[in-house]
Every structure is written in structure tokens, then in C-alpha cells.
Amino acid sequence: MKYKSFFDDTLFIALISNFKASSWLRLNASLIQIHDQEDVDLKARPAKGDDFLRKSWDSFKFSNPELYQYTGQKAVITFIVNMDGGLSEIKLAESFDTETDKIIVKGFKKMGVKWLPAEKSKVLVRAGISLTLDL
């Protein structure tokens, strides 16, 4: 018998025979809670490392002349790394202008950098990230 549970736009199906009630409740609580990077045992991180992330961003920004006028400035982008390594709620902490914001967020999404989720007490958890990008 399958039960469906919706949390944060994600569908989770669990076979009740495989879960104890307390495990199920802990799993559901971890799906909702977003941890700070300082509150976890193992931080969320790019799967191929920080250098790959930086090189991917540099490649994107150099191919977008719309961003040249902001050279030397920094953009702070915030997002959540989910337990599956996917990203959600990607947005800029401070806005430049509507079009530039869209370009930066869209570019960050299209970079295709895979993330490893954070862990707390050997359990995968969602983590909020704030990342400074050079423009």
C-alpha cells in the first residue's frame, strides 16, 4: 500500500511496511527544515569542487556582454540545496535591475553545476546557501 505526501513541491512515495512511524516523521521534518551551512556536520558543496563552480561562472559571465557594465561588482545569490542535490529558490539577495537579475539567475541555473547535499548526524538535509559571485 502506497501513501503520498507532498512537501515543498516534491512528491515522496513511501511503502509504509518499510518505515516505522518515528522514522517517517523524522524524514518528513527533514524535508521541510532548511539548515544553515554552519549548523550541519558536512556542508553542501559543488560535486566537482569550488574551482569548477568558479570556472563555470566565469565562462557564463564572459559570454554575456550585458554583464560587462557590472565588472568589478559582486552579486550575492541565495538558494537551497535539496537532499537530492537539486537547487531551489534561486534568487539574488540584492537586486541590480529586473533584466540583469533574470540574466544572473538564469545563468546560474544553466551552469549545470551538480551539488552534494549537506549532512547532519549522517542524514541528508536541505541547506540554505549564500554565494558571492564576481561580475
C-alpha atoms as a PDB file:
ATOM      1  CA  MET A   1       0.000   0.000   0.000  1.00  0.00           C
ATOM      2  CA  LYS A   2       1.475   3.373  -1.045  1.00  0.00           C
ATOM      3  CA  TYR A   3       0.876   6.685   0.664  1.00  0.00           C
ATOM      4  CA  LYS A   4       1.628  10.005  -0.979  1.00  0.00           C
ATOM      5  CA  SER A   5       2.959  13.004   0.853  1.00  0.00           C
ATOM      6  CA  PHE A   6       3.620  16.430  -0.654  1.00  0.00           C
ATOM      7  CA  PHE A   7       6.376  18.592   0.815  1.00  0.00           C
ATOM      8  CA  ASP A   8       7.813  21.678  -0.844  1.00  0.00           C
ATOM      9  CA  ASP A   9       6.585  20.780  -4.339  1.00  0.00           C
ATOM     10  CA  THR A  10       8.204  17.329  -4.167  1.00  0.00           C
ATOM     11  CA  LEU A  11       6.343  14.046  -4.264  1.00  0.00           C
ATOM     12  CA  PHE A  12       7.564  11.331  -1.923  1.00  0.00           C
ATOM     13  CA  ILE A  13       6.128   7.846  -2.008  1.00  0.00           C
ATOM     14  CA  ALA A  14       6.929   5.507   0.830  1.00  0.00           C
ATOM     15  CA  LEU A  15       5.956   1.943   1.458  1.00  0.00           C
ATOM     16  CA  ILE A  16       4.611   2.020   5.000  1.00  0.00           C
ATOM     17  CA  SER A  17       5.879  -1.502   5.667  1.00  0.00           C
ATOM     18  CA  ASN A  18       9.471  -0.200   5.246  1.00  0.00           C
ATOM     19  CA  PHE A  19       9.142   2.697   7.692  1.00  0.00           C
ATOM     20  CA  LYS A  20       8.497   2.936  11.385  1.00  0.00           C
ATOM     21  CA  ALA A  21       6.281   5.852  12.359  1.00  0.00           C
ATOM     22  CA  SER A  22       9.132   7.716  14.076  1.00  0.00           C
ATOM     23  CA  SER A  23      11.392   7.326  11.031  1.00  0.00           C
ATOM     24  CA  TRP A  24       8.631   8.606   8.786  1.00  0.00           C
ATOM     25  CA  LEU A  25       8.088  11.662  10.987  1.00  0.00           C
ATOM     26  CA  ARG A  26      11.837  12.424  11.124  1.00  0.00           C
ATOM     27  CA  LEU A  27      12.058  12.104   7.334  1.00  0.00           C
ATOM     28  CA  ASN A  28       9.144  14.484   6.822  1.00  0.00           C
ATOM     29  CA  ALA A  29      10.596  17.015   9.284  1.00  0.00           C
ATOM     30  CA  SER A  30      13.937  16.971   7.437  1.00  0.00           C
ATOM     31  CA  LEU A  31      12.137  17.623   4.139  1.00  0.00           C
ATOM     32  CA  ILE A  32      10.700  20.870   5.451  1.00  0.00           C
ATOM     33  CA  GLN A  33      13.551  22.294   7.538  1.00  0.00           C
ATOM     34  CA  ILE A  34      16.283  24.344   5.879  1.00  0.00           C
ATOM     35  CA  HIS A  35      19.608  24.327   7.721  1.00  0.00           C
ATOM     36  CA  ASP A  36      22.298  26.996   7.712  1.00  0.00           C
ATOM     37  CA  GLN A  37      25.675  25.831   6.453  1.00  0.00           C
ATOM     38  CA  GLU A  38      27.091  26.431   9.962  1.00  0.00           C
ATOM     39  CA  ASP A  39      24.525  24.096  11.555  1.00  0.00           C
ATOM     40  CA  VAL A  40      25.435  20.952   9.614  1.00  0.00           C
ATOM     41  CA  ASP A  41      28.208  18.388  10.005  1.00  0.00           C
ATOM     42  CA  LEU A  42      29.041  18.267   6.292  1.00  0.00           C
ATOM     43  CA  LYS A  43      28.299  21.373   4.210  1.00  0.00           C
ATOM     44  CA  ALA A  44      26.542  21.327   0.846  1.00  0.00           C
ATOM     45  CA  ARG A  45      29.169  21.735  -1.877  1.00  0.00           C
ATOM     46  CA  PRO A  46      29.645  21.580  -5.634  1.00  0.00           C
ATOM     47  CA  ALA A  47      30.217  17.956  -6.665  1.00  0.00           C
ATOM     48  CA  LYS A  48      33.222  18.866  -8.834  1.00  0.00           C
ATOM     49  CA  GLY A  49      34.615  21.407  -6.378  1.00  0.00           C
ATOM     50  CA  ASP A  50      34.741  25.160  -5.957  1.00  0.00           C
ATOM     51  CA  ASP A  51      37.176  25.654  -8.856  1.00  0.00           C
ATOM     52  CA  PHE A  52      34.736  24.033 -11.287  1.00  0.00           C
ATOM     53  CA  LEU A  53      31.952  26.285  -9.980  1.00  0.00           C
ATOM     54  CA  ARG A  54      34.126  29.404 -10.422  1.00  0.00           C
ATOM     55  CA  LYS A  55      35.220  28.386 -13.940  1.00  0.00           C
ATOM     56  CA  SER A  56      31.609  27.654 -14.944  1.00  0.00           C
ATOM     57  CA  TRP A  57      30.502  31.072 -13.682  1.00  0.00           C
ATOM     58  CA  ASP A  58      33.417  32.833 -15.405  1.00  0.00           C
ATOM     59  CA  SER A  59      32.556  31.100 -18.668  1.00  0.00           C
ATOM     60  CA  PHE A  60      28.942  32.245 -18.364  1.00  0.00           C
ATOM     61  CA  LYS A  61      29.687  35.864 -17.460  1.00  0.00           C
ATOM     62  CA  PHE A  62      32.267  36.308 -20.245  1.00  0.00           C
ATOM     63  CA  SER A  63      29.729  35.075 -22.795  1.00  0.00           C
ATOM     64  CA  ASN A  64      27.141  37.661 -21.673  1.00  0.00           C
ATOM     65  CA  PRO A  65      28.066  41.214 -22.693  1.00  0.00           C
ATOM     66  CA  GLU A  66      25.038  42.513 -20.742  1.00  0.00           C
ATOM     67  CA  LEU A  67      27.034  41.909 -17.566  1.00  0.00           C
ATOM     68  CA  TYR A  68      30.157  43.832 -18.668  1.00  0.00           C
ATOM     69  CA  GLN A  69      28.834  47.101 -17.235  1.00  0.00           C
ATOM     70  CA  TYR A  70      28.882  45.473 -13.778  1.00  0.00           C
ATOM     71  CA  THR A  71      32.520  44.318 -13.974  1.00  0.00           C
ATOM     72  CA  GLY A  72      34.135  44.601 -10.548  1.00  0.00           C
ATOM     73  CA  GLN A  73      30.831  44.359  -8.703  1.00  0.00           C
ATOM     74  CA  LYS A  74      29.579  41.351  -6.790  1.00  0.00           C
ATOM     75  CA  ALA A  75      26.245  39.556  -6.838  1.00  0.00           C
ATOM     76  CA  VAL A  76      25.063  37.581  -3.823  1.00  0.00           C
ATOM     77  CA  ILE A  77      22.891  34.702  -4.910  1.00  0.00           C
ATOM     78  CA  THR A  78      20.924  32.611  -2.420  1.00  0.00           C
ATOM     79  CA  PHE A  79      19.469  29.155  -2.965  1.00  0.00           C
ATOM     80  CA  ILE A  80      18.629  25.887  -1.274  1.00  0.00           C
ATOM     81  CA  VAL A  81      20.465  22.637  -1.925  1.00  0.00           C
ATOM     82  CA  ASN A  82      17.869  19.891  -1.542  1.00  0.00           C
ATOM     83  CA  MET A  83      18.546  16.380  -0.277  1.00  0.00           C
ATOM     84  CA  ASP A  84      18.816  15.068  -3.843  1.00  0.00           C
ATOM     85  CA  GLY A  85      21.429  17.724  -4.712  1.00  0.00           C
ATOM     86  CA  GLY A  86      18.964  19.763  -6.739  1.00  0.00           C
ATOM     87  CA  LEU A  87      18.668  23.521  -6.294  1.00  0.00           C
ATOM     88  CA  SER A  88      15.548  25.505  -5.477  1.00  0.00           C
ATOM     89  CA  GLU A  89      14.537  29.051  -4.553  1.00  0.00           C
ATOM     90  CA  ILE A  90      17.395  30.611  -6.521  1.00  0.00           C
ATOM     91  CA  LYS A  91      17.357  34.400  -6.195  1.00  0.00           C
ATOM     92  CA  LEU A  92      19.579  37.437  -5.745  1.00  0.00           C
ATOM     93  CA  ALA A  93      19.984  38.858  -2.245  1.00  0.00           C
ATOM     94  CA  GLU A  94      20.269  42.385  -3.682  1.00  0.00           C
ATOM     95  CA  SER A  95      18.749  43.438  -6.969  1.00  0.00           C
ATOM     96  CA  PHE A  96      20.589  45.223  -9.790  1.00  0.00           C
ATOM     97  CA  ASP A  97      17.648  45.690 -12.137  1.00  0.00           C
ATOM     98  CA  THR A  98      14.975  43.298 -13.360  1.00  0.00           C
ATOM     99  CA  GLU A  99      16.678  42.257 -16.603  1.00  0.00           C
ATOM    100  CA  THR A 100      20.138  41.847 -15.061  1.00  0.00           C
ATOM    101  CA  ASP A 101      18.675  39.846 -12.172  1.00  0.00           C
ATOM    102  CA  LYS A 102      16.983  37.492 -14.655  1.00  0.00           C
ATOM    103  CA  ILE A 103      20.236  37.053 -16.597  1.00  0.00           C
ATOM    104  CA  ILE A 104      22.238  36.226 -13.465  1.00  0.00           C
ATOM    105  CA  VAL A 105      19.683  33.786 -12.032  1.00  0.00           C
ATOM    106  CA  LYS A 106      19.067  32.124 -15.392  1.00  0.00           C
ATOM    107  CA  GLY A 107      22.814  31.826 -15.960  1.00  0.00           C
ATOM    108  CA  PHE A 108      23.358  30.286 -12.535  1.00  0.00           C
ATOM    109  CA  LYS A 109      20.650  27.715 -13.247  1.00  0.00           C
ATOM    110  CA  LYS A 110      22.049  26.917 -16.709  1.00  0.00           C
ATOM    111  CA  MET A 111      25.625  26.400 -15.480  1.00  0.00           C
ATOM    112  CA  GLY A 112      24.680  22.818 -14.691  1.00  0.00           C
ATOM    113  CA  VAL A 113      26.860  22.526 -11.600  1.00  0.00           C
ATOM    114  CA  LYS A 114      25.808  19.468  -9.608  1.00  0.00           C
ATOM    115  CA  TRP A 115      25.715  19.815  -5.819  1.00  0.00           C
ATOM    116  CA  LEU A 116      26.247  17.352  -2.993  1.00  0.00           C
ATOM    117  CA  PRO A 117      23.704  17.831  -0.199  1.00  0.00           C
ATOM    118  CA  ALA A 118      24.532  18.762   3.382  1.00  0.00           C
ATOM    119  CA  GLU A 119      24.523  16.169   6.154  1.00  0.00           C
ATOM    120  CA  LYS A 120      23.587  16.437   9.799  1.00  0.00           C
ATOM    121  CA  SER A 121      24.041  13.438  12.086  1.00  0.00           C
ATOM    122  CA  LYS A 122      24.693  11.313   8.963  1.00  0.00           C
ATOM    123  CA  VAL A 123      21.307  12.268   7.482  1.00  0.00           C
ATOM    124  CA  LEU A 124      20.958  14.265   4.269  1.00  0.00           C
ATOM    125  CA  VAL A 125      19.323  17.637   4.901  1.00  0.00           C
ATOM    126  CA  ARG A 126      18.326  20.738   2.934  1.00  0.00           C
ATOM    127  CA  ALA A 127      20.741  23.640   3.314  1.00  0.00           C
ATOM    128  CA  GLY A 128      20.471  27.320   2.523  1.00  0.00           C
ATOM    129  CA  ILE A 129      23.457  28.776   0.665  1.00  0.00           C
ATOM    130  CA  SER A 130      24.538  32.352   0.117  1.00  0.00           C
ATOM    131  CA  LEU A 131      27.188  32.626  -2.586  1.00  0.00           C
ATOM    132  CA  THR A 132      29.061  35.724  -3.747  1.00  0.00           C
ATOM    133  CA  LEU A 133      29.742  35.863  -7.479  1.00  0.00           C
ATOM    134  CA  ASP A 134      32.142  38.299  -9.157  1.00  0.00           C
ATOM    135  CA  LEU A 135      30.621  40.086 -12.128  1.00  0.00           C
END
